[in-house]
């Protein structure tokens, strides 16, 4: 069995990647993702999603990639191209 991709700061970040990869062919509403992964207060969920996205981009090498693998818009997130 393969070991998981190393470097994630939390299981939630790994879950975010899995969800985006499984549903890579469409954008996902940030509010829905935050609610799905974090059941805390609204502002805290959005903050947690921002941190998770930054960690995700770091682990998959997307911060310096051109083009980016993760399309991050004001209202949505989406993996672009083939799933990781």
Protein backbone atom coordinates (compact mmCIF):
# COMPACT_ATOMS: atom_id res chain seq x y z
CA UNK A 1 0.00 0.00 0.00
CA UNK A 2 1.32 3.46 -0.87
CA UNK A 3 1.96 5.93 1.90
CA UNK A 4 -0.06 9.16 1.92
CA UNK A 5 1.36 12.30 0.37
CA UNK A 6 3.59 13.74 3.13
CA UNK A 7 3.67 17.29 4.42
CA UNK A 8 0.04 18.06 5.23
CA UNK A 9 -0.47 20.04 8.42
CA UNK A 10 -3.83 18.38 9.12
CA UNK A 11 -6.19 15.62 8.09
CA UNK A 12 -8.66 18.31 6.95
CA UNK A 13 -6.23 19.49 4.28
CA UNK A 14 -5.88 15.93 3.03
CA UNK A 15 -9.70 15.66 3.00
CA UNK A 16 -9.94 18.91 1.02
CA UNK A 17 -7.56 17.54 -1.60
CA UNK A 18 -9.47 14.25 -1.80
CA UNK A 19 -12.79 16.04 -2.26
CA UNK A 20 -11.48 18.44 -4.89
CA UNK A 21 -9.75 15.58 -6.74
CA UNK A 22 -12.83 13.36 -6.69
CA UNK A 23 -14.93 16.21 -8.06
CA UNK A 24 -12.23 17.95 -10.13
CA UNK A 25 -14.40 18.62 -13.16
CA UNK A 26 -16.39 21.42 -11.51
CA UNK A 27 -15.90 24.42 -9.22
CA UNK A 28 -16.86 24.08 -5.55
CA UNK A 29 -18.42 26.85 -3.53
CA UNK A 30 -16.09 27.99 -0.73
CA UNK A 31 -18.97 28.31 1.73
CA UNK A 32 -20.02 24.71 1.07
CA UNK A 33 -16.47 23.41 1.42
CA UNK A 34 -15.95 25.30 4.67
CA UNK A 35 -19.23 23.98 6.07
CA UNK A 36 -18.43 20.43 4.97
CA UNK A 37 -15.02 20.37 6.64
CA UNK A 38 -15.45 22.64 9.68
CA UNK A 39 -18.48 22.84 11.93
CA UNK A 40 -17.22 25.86 13.89
CA UNK A 41 -18.44 29.46 13.64
CA UNK A 42 -18.82 31.00 10.17
CA UNK A 43 -15.80 33.32 10.27
CA UNK A 44 -13.60 30.62 11.73
CA UNK A 45 -14.60 28.18 8.94
CA UNK A 46 -13.52 30.64 6.27
CA UNK A 47 -10.23 31.27 8.03
CA UNK A 48 -9.63 27.54 8.37
CA UNK A 49 -10.36 27.06 4.65
CA UNK A 50 -7.84 29.79 3.75
CA UNK A 51 -5.15 28.12 5.88
CA UNK A 52 -6.01 24.69 4.45
CA UNK A 53 -5.81 26.01 0.89
CA UNK A 54 -2.41 27.59 1.56
CA UNK A 55 -1.13 24.30 3.00
CA UNK A 56 -2.62 22.31 0.11
CA UNK A 57 -0.92 24.54 -2.45
CA UNK A 58 2.39 24.20 -0.61
CA UNK A 59 2.22 20.40 -0.45
CA UNK A 60 1.23 19.86 -4.09
CA UNK A 61 3.72 22.48 -5.30
CA UNK A 62 1.03 24.75 -6.69
CA UNK A 63 2.31 28.06 -5.30
CA UNK A 64 5.13 28.21 -7.83
CA UNK A 65 3.44 26.23 -10.62
CA UNK A 66 2.49 27.74 -13.94
CA UNK A 67 -0.28 27.14 -14.70
CA UNK A 68 -1.72 26.49 -11.25
CA UNK A 69 -3.36 23.17 -10.46
CA UNK A 70 -5.83 24.77 -8.07
CA UNK A 71 -8.06 27.52 -9.40
CA UNK A 72 -8.92 29.74 -6.45
CA UNK A 73 -11.61 32.34 -7.05
CA UNK A 74 -13.46 34.57 -4.61
CA UNK A 75 -16.46 32.22 -4.38
CA UNK A 76 -15.05 28.86 -5.50
CA UNK A 77 -12.17 26.38 -5.65
CA UNK A 78 -11.43 23.84 -8.35
CA UNK A 79 -8.63 21.51 -9.37
CA UNK A 80 -7.81 22.06 -13.03
CA UNK A 81 -6.84 19.33 -15.45
CA UNK A 82 -6.28 15.77 -14.40
CA UNK A 83 -6.78 14.82 -10.75
CA UNK A 84 -3.66 14.46 -8.62
